[in-house]
Amino acid sequence: MRILLCLITLSAACGCMAPGGAPQFAFTPLRQEPAPQAEAYSYYILATMHERAGRLEEAAAALEEVKARAPDALTPHVQLMQVYFRMRN
């Protein structure tokens, strides 16, 4: 019984392989480039990290990137104003 199970498993595994040994299927991502919202969120997280570390110039630059990628988002605009205010003082 064990031998039969091993043979079935091996034949199923070999059926998935192309003659060269590569799988017959390949993973194709649905989207090649990240969504603009994902990029904006990444820059927002980066800006928050810079702001907490006291690197206000870098935080402002990252928030400008957020503003360019997500112009309708309110929170990054408010945070950018706060960073500019802190840079002034």
PDB file of N, CA and C in Angstrom:
ATOM      1  N   MET A   1       0.818  -1.203   0.000  1.00  0.00           N
ATOM      2  CA  MET A   1       0.000   0.000   0.000  1.00  0.00           C
ATOM      3  C   MET A   1       0.858   1.263   0.000  1.00  0.00           C
ATOM      4  N   ARG A   2       1.932   1.245   0.808  1.00  0.00           N
ATOM      5  CA  ARG A   2       2.816   2.413   0.867  1.00  0.00           C
ATOM      6  C   ARG A   2       3.522   2.634  -0.463  1.00  0.00           C
ATOM      7  N   ILE A   3       3.892   1.557  -1.108  1.00  0.00           N
ATOM      8  CA  ILE A   3       4.571   1.672  -2.392  1.00  0.00           C
ATOM      9  C   ILE A   3       3.633   2.284  -3.421  1.00  0.00           C
ATOM     10  N   LEU A   4       2.367   1.866  -3.410  1.00  0.00           N
ATOM     11  CA  LEU A   4       1.384   2.413  -4.341  1.00  0.00           C
ATOM     12  C   LEU A   4       1.183   3.909  -4.093  1.00  0.00           C
ATOM     13  N   LEU A   5       1.108   4.303  -2.824  1.00  0.00           N
ATOM     14  CA  LEU A   5       0.955   5.714  -2.482  1.00  0.00           C
ATOM     15  C   LEU A   5       2.160   6.528  -2.942  1.00  0.00           C
ATOM     16  N   CYS A   6       3.364   5.983  -2.765  1.00  0.00           N
ATOM     17  CA  CYS A   6       4.576   6.674  -3.226  1.00  0.00           C
ATOM     18  C   CYS A   6       4.579   6.814  -4.744  1.00  0.00           C
ATOM     19  N   LEU A   7       4.171   5.782  -5.455  1.00  0.00           N
ATOM     20  CA  LEU A   7       4.138   5.842  -6.911  1.00  0.00           C
ATOM     21  C   LEU A   7       3.128   6.869  -7.406  1.00  0.00           C
ATOM     22  N   ILE A   8       1.982   6.939  -6.758  1.00  0.00           N
ATOM     23  CA  ILE A   8       0.964   7.923  -7.143  1.00  0.00           C
ATOM     24  C   ILE A   8       1.476   9.335  -6.898  1.00  0.00           C
ATOM     25  N   THR A   9       2.132   9.549  -5.761  1.00  0.00           N
ATOM     26  CA  THR A   9       2.673  10.864  -5.432  1.00  0.00           C
ATOM     27  C   THR A   9       3.751  11.277  -6.424  1.00  0.00           C
ATOM     28  N   LEU A  10       4.648  10.357  -6.752  1.00  0.00           N
ATOM     29  CA  LEU A  10       5.713  10.662  -7.702  1.00  0.00           C
ATOM     30  C   LEU A  10       5.174  10.934  -9.092  1.00  0.00           C
ATOM     31  N   SER A  11       4.191  10.175  -9.517  1.00  0.00           N
ATOM     32  CA  SER A  11       3.635  10.400 -10.855  1.00  0.00           C
ATOM     33  C   SER A  11       2.894  11.729 -10.919  1.00  0.00           C
ATOM     34  N   ALA A  12       2.242  12.119  -9.841  1.00  0.00           N
ATOM     35  CA  ALA A  12       1.560  13.408  -9.816  1.00  0.00           C
ATOM     36  C   ALA A  12       2.574  14.550  -9.852  1.00  0.00           C
ATOM     37  N   ALA A  13       3.680  14.390  -9.120  1.00  0.00           N
ATOM     38  CA  ALA A  13       4.711  15.426  -9.105  1.00  0.00           C
ATOM     39  C   ALA A  13       5.395  15.529 -10.458  1.00  0.00           C
ATOM     40  N   CYS A  14       5.622  14.430 -11.113  1.00  0.00           N
ATOM     41  CA  CYS A  14       6.266  14.454 -12.428  1.00  0.00           C
ATOM     42  C   CYS A  14       5.334  15.021 -13.489  1.00  0.00           C
ATOM     43  N   GLY A  15       4.037  14.893 -13.292  1.00  0.00           N
ATOM     44  CA  GLY A  15       3.084  15.425 -14.260  1.00  0.00           C
ATOM     45  C   GLY A  15       3.045  16.932 -14.281  1.00  0.00           C
ATOM     46  N   CYS A  16       3.535  17.557 -13.204  1.00  0.00           N
ATOM     47  CA  CYS A  16       3.554  19.026 -13.140  1.00  0.00           C
ATOM     48  C   CYS A  16       4.807  19.612 -13.753  1.00  0.00           C
ATOM     49  N   MET A  17       5.716  18.777 -14.154  1.00  0.00           N
ATOM     50  CA  MET A  17       6.994  19.257 -14.646  1.00  0.00           C
ATOM     51  C   MET A  17       7.033  19.208 -16.168  1.00  0.00           C
ATOM     52  N   ALA A  18       7.673  20.198 -16.739  1.00  0.00           N
ATOM     53  CA  ALA A  18       7.900  20.218 -18.183  1.00  0.00           C
ATOM     54  C   ALA A  18       9.070  19.295 -18.495  1.00  0.00           C
ATOM     55  N   PRO A  19       9.295  18.978 -19.738  1.00  0.00           N
ATOM     56  CA  PRO A  19      10.387  18.070 -20.079  1.00  0.00           C
ATOM     57  C   PRO A  19      11.754  18.535 -19.574  1.00  0.00           C
ATOM     58  N   GLY A  20      11.989  19.820 -19.486  1.00  0.00           N
ATOM     59  CA  GLY A  20      13.273  20.325 -18.997  1.00  0.00           C
ATOM     60  C   GLY A  20      13.387  20.321 -17.487  1.00  0.00           C
ATOM     61  N   GLY A  21      12.365  19.945 -16.774  1.00  0.00           N
ATOM     62  CA  GLY A  21      12.392  19.907 -15.321  1.00  0.00           C
ATOM     63  C   GLY A  21      11.793  21.140 -14.672  1.00  0.00           C
ATOM     64  N   ALA A  22      11.397  22.110 -15.458  1.00  0.00           N
ATOM     65  CA  ALA A  22      10.802  23.320 -14.905  1.00  0.00           C
ATOM     66  C   ALA A  22       9.298  23.116 -14.740  1.00  0.00           C
ATOM     67  N   PRO A  23       8.687  23.761 -13.791  1.00  0.00           N
ATOM     68  CA  PRO A  23       7.240  23.626 -13.633  1.00  0.00           C
ATOM     69  C   PRO A  23       6.497  24.120 -14.874  1.00  0.00           C
ATOM     70  N   GLN A  24       5.351  23.541 -15.129  1.00  0.00           N
ATOM     71  CA  GLN A  24       4.559  23.938 -16.288  1.00  0.00           C
ATOM     72  C   GLN A  24       3.790  25.225 -16.030  1.00  0.00           C
ATOM     73  N   PHE A  25       3.644  25.611 -14.791  1.00  0.00           N
ATOM     74  CA  PHE A  25       2.930  26.839 -14.460  1.00  0.00           C
ATOM     75  C   PHE A  25       3.931  27.846 -13.924  1.00  0.00           C
ATOM     76  N   ALA A  26       3.603  29.083 -14.027  1.00  0.00           N
ATOM     77  CA  ALA A  26       4.453  30.146 -13.504  1.00  0.00           C
ATOM     78  C   ALA A  26       3.561  31.178 -12.834  1.00  0.00           C
ATOM     79  N   PHE A  27       4.071  31.752 -11.769  1.00  0.00           N
ATOM     80  CA  PHE A  27       3.332  32.795 -11.061  1.00  0.00           C
ATOM     81  C   PHE A  27       3.465  34.097 -11.827  1.00  0.00           C
ATOM     82  N   THR A  28       2.357  34.688 -12.134  1.00  0.00           N
ATOM     83  CA  THR A  28       2.339  35.985 -12.792  1.00  0.00           C
ATOM     84  C   THR A  28       1.620  36.970 -11.880  1.00  0.00           C
ATOM     85  N   PRO A  29       2.321  38.010 -11.409  1.00  0.00           N
ATOM     86  CA  PRO A  29       1.648  38.973 -10.541  1.00  0.00           C
ATOM     87  C   PRO A  29       0.536  39.695 -11.286  1.00  0.00           C
ATOM     88  N   LEU A  30      -0.499  40.044 -10.558  1.00  0.00           N
ATOM     89  CA  LEU A  30      -1.620  40.737 -11.158  1.00  0.00           C
ATOM     90  C   LEU A  30      -1.264  42.158 -11.560  1.00  0.00           C
ATOM     91  N   ARG A  31      -0.375  42.785 -10.820  1.00  0.00           N
ATOM     92  CA  ARG A  31      -0.019  44.177 -11.072  1.00  0.00           C
ATOM     93  C   ARG A  31       1.508  44.267 -11.080  1.00  0.00           C
ATOM     94  N   GLN A  32       2.048  44.891 -12.077  1.00  0.00           N
ATOM     95  CA  GLN A  32       3.496  45.007 -12.193  1.00  0.00           C
ATOM     96  C   GLN A  32       4.050  46.131 -11.311  1.00  0.00           C
ATOM     97  N   GLU A  33       3.343  47.227 -11.206  1.00  0.00           N
ATOM     98  CA  GLU A  33       3.806  48.365 -10.416  1.00  0.00           C
ATOM     99  C   GLU A  33       2.901  48.520  -9.200  1.00  0.00           C
ATOM    100  N   PRO A  34       3.455  49.036  -8.094  1.00  0.00           N
ATOM    101  CA  PRO A  34       2.611  49.238  -6.920  1.00  0.00           C
ATOM    102  C   PRO A  34       1.532  50.290  -7.184  1.00  0.00           C
ATOM    103  N   ALA A  35       0.434  50.139  -6.516  1.00  0.00           N
ATOM    104  CA  ALA A  35      -0.662  51.101  -6.645  1.00  0.00           C
ATOM    105  C   ALA A  35      -0.221  52.447  -6.068  1.00  0.00           C
ATOM    106  N   PRO A  36      -0.745  53.548  -6.610  1.00  0.00           N
ATOM    107  CA  PRO A  36      -0.365  54.869  -6.078  1.00  0.00           C
ATOM    108  C   PRO A  36      -0.665  55.006  -4.584  1.00  0.00           C
ATOM    109  N   GLN A  37      -1.746  54.388  -4.131  1.00  0.00           N
ATOM    110  CA  GLN A  37      -2.076  54.471  -2.706  1.00  0.00           C
ATOM    111  C   GLN A  37      -1.003  53.763  -1.872  1.00  0.00           C
ATOM    112  N   ALA A  38      -0.484  52.652  -2.380  1.00  0.00           N
ATOM    113  CA  ALA A  38       0.559  51.930  -1.652  1.00  0.00           C
ATOM    114  C   ALA A  38       1.840  52.752  -1.582  1.00  0.00           C
ATOM    115  N   GLU A  39       2.185  53.393  -2.678  1.00  0.00           N
ATOM    116  CA  GLU A  39       3.370  54.247  -2.666  1.00  0.00           C
ATOM    117  C   GLU A  39       3.189  55.427  -1.723  1.00  0.00           C
ATOM    118  N   ALA A  40       2.015  56.021  -1.742  1.00  0.00           N
ATOM    119  CA  ALA A  40       1.744  57.155  -0.852  1.00  0.00           C
ATOM    120  C   ALA A  40       1.839  56.724   0.606  1.00  0.00           C
ATOM    121  N   TYR A  41       1.287  55.556   0.911  1.00  0.00           N
ATOM    122  CA  TYR A  41       1.333  55.078   2.293  1.00  0.00           C
ATOM    123  C   TYR A  41       2.778  54.786   2.715  1.00  0.00           C
ATOM    124  N   SER A  42       3.572  54.242   1.809  1.00  0.00           N
ATOM    125  CA  SER A  42       4.980  53.977   2.124  1.00  0.00           C
ATOM    126  C   SER A  42       5.717  55.264   2.452  1.00  0.00           C
ATOM    127  N   TYR A  43       5.481  56.298   1.656  1.00  0.00           N
ATOM    128  CA  TYR A  43       6.119  57.593   1.932  1.00  0.00           C
ATOM    129  C   TYR A  43       5.589  58.208   3.234  1.00  0.00           C
ATOM    130  N   TYR A  44       4.315  57.974   3.534  1.00  0.00           N
ATOM    131  CA  TYR A  44       3.756  58.504   4.778  1.00  0.00           C
ATOM    132  C   TYR A  44       4.422  57.844   5.991  1.00  0.00           C
ATOM    133  N   ILE A  45       4.599  56.540   5.924  1.00  0.00           N
ATOM    134  CA  ILE A  45       5.280  55.829   7.019  1.00  0.00           C
ATOM    135  C   ILE A  45       6.716  56.325   7.141  1.00  0.00           C
ATOM    136  N   LEU A  46       7.391  56.511   6.013  1.00  0.00           N
ATOM    137  CA  LEU A  46       8.760  57.022   6.028  1.00  0.00           C
ATOM    138  C   LEU A  46       8.812  58.415   6.653  1.00  0.00           C
ATOM    139  N   ALA A  47       7.863  59.255   6.282  1.00  0.00           N
ATOM    140  CA  ALA A  47       7.822  60.606   6.845  1.00  0.00           C
ATOM    141  C   ALA A  47       7.598  60.575   8.355  1.00  0.00           C
ATOM    142  N   THR A  48       6.723  59.700   8.798  1.00  0.00           N
ATOM    143  CA  THR A  48       6.466  59.582  10.236  1.00  0.00           C
ATOM    144  C   THR A  48       7.722  59.137  10.977  1.00  0.00           C
ATOM    145  N   MET A  49       8.450  58.193  10.390  1.00  0.00           N
ATOM    146  CA  MET A  49       9.694  57.737  11.025  1.00  0.00           C
ATOM    147  C   MET A  49      10.718  58.862  11.088  1.00  0.00           C
ATOM    148  N   HIS A  50      10.867  59.627  10.004  1.00  0.00           N
ATOM    149  CA  HIS A  50      11.799  60.753  10.008  1.00  0.00           C
ATOM    150  C   HIS A  50      11.386  61.809  11.036  1.00  0.00           C
ATOM    151  N   GLU A  51      10.102  62.081  11.099  1.00  0.00           N
ATOM    152  CA  GLU A  51       9.623  63.098  12.039  1.00  0.00           C
ATOM    153  C   GLU A  51       9.890  62.681  13.477  1.00  0.00           C
ATOM    154  N   ARG A  52       9.633  61.438  13.793  1.00  0.00           N
ATOM    155  CA  ARG A  52       9.869  60.961  15.172  1.00  0.00           C
ATOM    156  C   ARG A  52      11.348  60.953  15.531  1.00  0.00           C
ATOM    157  N   ALA A  53      12.214  60.795  14.517  1.00  0.00           N
ATOM    158  CA  ALA A  53      13.655  60.802  14.765  1.00  0.00           C
ATOM    159  C   ALA A  53      14.222  62.217  14.765  1.00  0.00           C
ATOM    160  N   GLY A  54      13.375  63.215  14.477  1.00  0.00           N
ATOM    161  CA  GLY A  54      13.821  64.595  14.489  1.00  0.00           C
ATOM    162  C   GLY A  54      14.419  65.070  13.177  1.00  0.00           C
ATOM    163  N   ARG A  55      14.341  64.260  12.138  1.00  0.00           N
ATOM    164  CA  ARG A  55      14.851  64.654  10.817  1.00  0.00           C
ATOM    165  C   ARG A  55      13.713  65.312  10.040  1.00  0.00           C
ATOM    166  N   LEU A  56      13.490  66.581  10.324  1.00  0.00           N
ATOM    167  CA  LEU A  56      12.319  67.271   9.798  1.00  0.00           C
ATOM    168  C   LEU A  56      12.421  67.557   8.301  1.00  0.00           C
ATOM    169  N   GLU A  57      13.620  67.843   7.805  1.00  0.00           N
ATOM    170  CA  GLU A  57      13.758  68.097   6.368  1.00  0.00           C
ATOM    171  C   GLU A  57      13.397  66.855   5.555  1.00  0.00           C
ATOM    172  N   GLU A  58      13.876  65.688   6.020  1.00  0.00           N
ATOM    173  CA  GLU A  58      13.562  64.434   5.333  1.00  0.00           C
ATOM    174  C   GLU A  58      12.077  64.107   5.450  1.00  0.00           C
ATOM    175  N   ALA A  59      11.489  64.423   6.605  1.00  0.00           N
ATOM    176  CA  ALA A  59      10.058  64.190   6.794  1.00  0.00           C
ATOM    177  C   ALA A  59       9.247  65.059   5.843  1.00  0.00           C
ATOM    178  N   ALA A  60       9.651  66.309   5.686  1.00  0.00           N
ATOM    179  CA  ALA A  60       8.935  67.212   4.779  1.00  0.00           C
ATOM    180  C   ALA A  60       9.040  66.730   3.339  1.00  0.00           C
ATOM    181  N   ALA A  61      10.214  66.244   2.950  1.00  0.00           N
ATOM    182  CA  ALA A  61      10.388  65.744   1.579  1.00  0.00           C
ATOM    183  C   ALA A  61       9.509  64.519   1.333  1.00  0.00           C
ATOM    184  N   ALA A  62       9.450  63.620   2.306  1.00  0.00           N
ATOM    185  CA  ALA A  62       8.607  62.429   2.158  1.00  0.00           C
ATOM    186  C   ALA A  62       7.129  62.806   2.116  1.00  0.00           C
ATOM    187  N   LEU A  63       6.731  63.788   2.916  1.00  0.00           N
ATOM    188  CA  LEU A  63       5.335  64.221   2.904  1.00  0.00           C
ATOM    189  C   LEU A  63       4.973  64.929   1.606  1.00  0.00           C
ATOM    190  N   GLU A  64       5.929  65.590   0.995  1.00  0.00           N
ATOM    191  CA  GLU A  64       5.678  66.188  -0.329  1.00  0.00           C
ATOM    192  C   GLU A  64       5.411  65.081  -1.360  1.00  0.00           C
ATOM    193  N   GLU A  65       6.126  63.967  -1.229  1.00  0.00           N
ATOM    194  CA  GLU A  65       5.880  62.825  -2.110  1.00  0.00           C
ATOM    195  C   GLU A  65       4.481  62.256  -1.880  1.00  0.00           C
ATOM    196  N   VAL A  66       4.064  62.197  -0.623  1.00  0.00           N
ATOM    197  CA  VAL A  66       2.706  61.722  -0.311  1.00  0.00           C
ATOM    198  C   VAL A  66       1.693  62.644  -0.954  1.00  0.00           C
ATOM    199  N   LYS A  67       1.927  63.923  -0.823  1.00  0.00           N
ATOM    200  CA  LYS A  67       1.005  64.916  -1.376  1.00  0.00           C
ATOM    201  C   LYS A  67       0.877  64.778  -2.896  1.00  0.00           C
ATOM    202  N   ALA A  68       1.984  64.464  -3.546  1.00  0.00           N
ATOM    203  CA  ALA A  68       1.955  64.296  -5.001  1.00  0.00           C
ATOM    204  C   ALA A  68       1.209  63.025  -5.418  1.00  0.00           C
ATOM    205  N   ARG A  69       1.308  61.974  -4.608  1.00  0.00           N
ATOM    206  CA  ARG A  69       0.697  60.691  -4.960  1.00  0.00           C
ATOM    207  C   ARG A  69      -0.743  60.561  -4.478  1.00  0.00           C
ATOM    208  N   ALA A  70      -1.085  61.272  -3.411  1.00  0.00           N
ATOM    209  CA  ALA A  70      -2.448  61.204  -2.860  1.00  0.00           C
ATOM    210  C   ALA A  70      -2.902  62.618  -2.518  1.00  0.00           C
ATOM    211  N   PRO A  71      -3.246  63.408  -3.522  1.00  0.00           N
ATOM    212  CA  PRO A  71      -3.585  64.814  -3.255  1.00  0.00           C
ATOM    213  C   PRO A  71      -4.862  65.005  -2.443  1.00  0.00           C
ATOM    214  N   ASP A  72      -5.732  64.003  -2.404  1.00  0.00           N
ATOM    215  CA  ASP A  72      -6.986  64.142  -1.658  1.00  0.00           C
ATOM    216  C   ASP A  72      -6.862  63.758  -0.190  1.00  0.00           C
ATOM    217  N   ALA A  73      -5.736  63.186   0.207  1.00  0.00           N
ATOM    218  CA  ALA A  73      -5.563  62.748   1.595  1.00  0.00           C
ATOM    219  C   ALA A  73      -5.324  63.971   2.488  1.00  0.00           C
ATOM    220  N   LEU A  74      -6.092  64.083   3.533  1.00  0.00           N
ATOM    221  CA  LEU A  74      -6.016  65.259   4.405  1.00  0.00           C
ATOM    222  C   LEU A  74      -4.902  65.145   5.445  1.00  0.00           C
ATOM    223  N   THR A  75      -4.737  63.987   6.040  1.00  0.00           N
ATOM    224  CA  THR A  75      -3.782  63.822   7.138  1.00  0.00           C
ATOM    225  C   THR A  75      -2.352  64.189   6.739  1.00  0.00           C
ATOM    226  N   PRO A  76      -1.855  63.741   5.587  1.00  0.00           N
ATOM    227  CA  PRO A  76      -0.487  64.147   5.221  1.00  0.00           C
ATOM    228  C   PRO A  76      -0.326  65.654   5.044  1.00  0.00           C
ATOM    229  N   HIS A  77      -1.359  66.319   4.557  1.00  0.00           N
ATOM    230  CA  HIS A  77      -1.274  67.776   4.420  1.00  0.00           C
ATOM    231  C   HIS A  77      -1.159  68.444   5.789  1.00  0.00           C
ATOM    232  N   VAL A  78      -1.944  67.983   6.732  1.00  0.00           N
ATOM    233  CA  VAL A  78      -1.894  68.542   8.089  1.00  0.00           C
ATOM    234  C   VAL A  78      -0.536  68.257   8.709  1.00  0.00           C
ATOM    235  N   GLN A  79      -0.038  67.043   8.544  1.00  0.00           N
ATOM    236  CA  GLN A  79       1.260  66.689   9.107  1.00  0.00           C
ATOM    237  C   GLN A  79       2.371  67.513   8.458  1.00  0.00           C
ATOM    238  N   LEU A  80       2.258  67.771   7.168  1.00  0.00           N
ATOM    239  CA  LEU A  80       3.259  68.587   6.482  1.00  0.00           C
ATOM    240  C   LEU A  80       3.262  70.006   7.037  1.00  0.00           C
ATOM    241  N   MET A  81       2.091  70.565   7.282  1.00  0.00           N
ATOM    242  CA  MET A  81       2.030  71.904   7.883  1.00  0.00           C
ATOM    243  C   MET A  81       2.675  71.901   9.262  1.00  0.00           C
ATOM    244  N   GLN A  82       2.434  70.862  10.039  1.00  0.00           N
ATOM    245  CA  GLN A  82       3.033  70.769  11.365  1.00  0.00           C
ATOM    246  C   GLN A  82       4.558  70.668  11.290  1.00  0.00           C
ATOM    247  N   VAL A  83       5.047  69.903  10.326  1.00  0.00           N
ATOM    248  CA  VAL A  83       6.501  69.756  10.171  1.00  0.00           C
ATOM    249  C   VAL A  83       7.115  71.097   9.775  1.00  0.00           C
ATOM    250  N   TYR A  84       6.473  71.804   8.821  1.00  0.00           N
ATOM    251  CA  TYR A  84       7.002  73.110   8.427  1.00  0.00           C
ATOM    252  C   TYR A  84       6.987  74.091   9.605  1.00  0.00           C
ATOM    253  N   PHE A  85       5.963  74.016  10.423  1.00  0.00           N
ATOM    254  CA  PHE A  85       5.881  74.882  11.589  1.00  0.00           C
ATOM    255  C   PHE A  85       7.008  74.559  12.570  1.00  0.00           C
ATOM    256  N   ARG A  86       7.265  73.270  12.776  1.00  0.00           N
ATOM    257  CA  ARG A  86       8.343  72.872  13.684  1.00  0.00           C
ATOM    258  C   ARG A  86       9.712  73.234  13.125  1.00  0.00           C
ATOM    259  N   MET A  87       9.852  73.212  11.796  1.00  0.00           N
ATOM    260  CA  MET A  87      11.126  73.593  11.181  1.00  0.00           C
ATOM    261  C   MET A  87      11.399  75.095  11.357  1.00  0.00           C
ATOM    262  N   ARG A  88      10.323  75.870  11.376  1.00  0.00           N
ATOM    263  CA  ARG A  88      10.441  77.320  11.506  1.00  0.00           C
ATOM    264  C   ARG A  88      10.890  77.698  12.903  1.00  0.00           C
ATOM    265  N   ASN A  89      10.466  76.951  13.897  1.00  0.00           N
ATOM    266  CA  ASN A  89      10.776  77.276  15.303  1.00  0.00           C
ATOM    267  C   ASN A  89      12.010  76.585  15.781  1.00  0.00           C
TER     268      ASN A  89
END
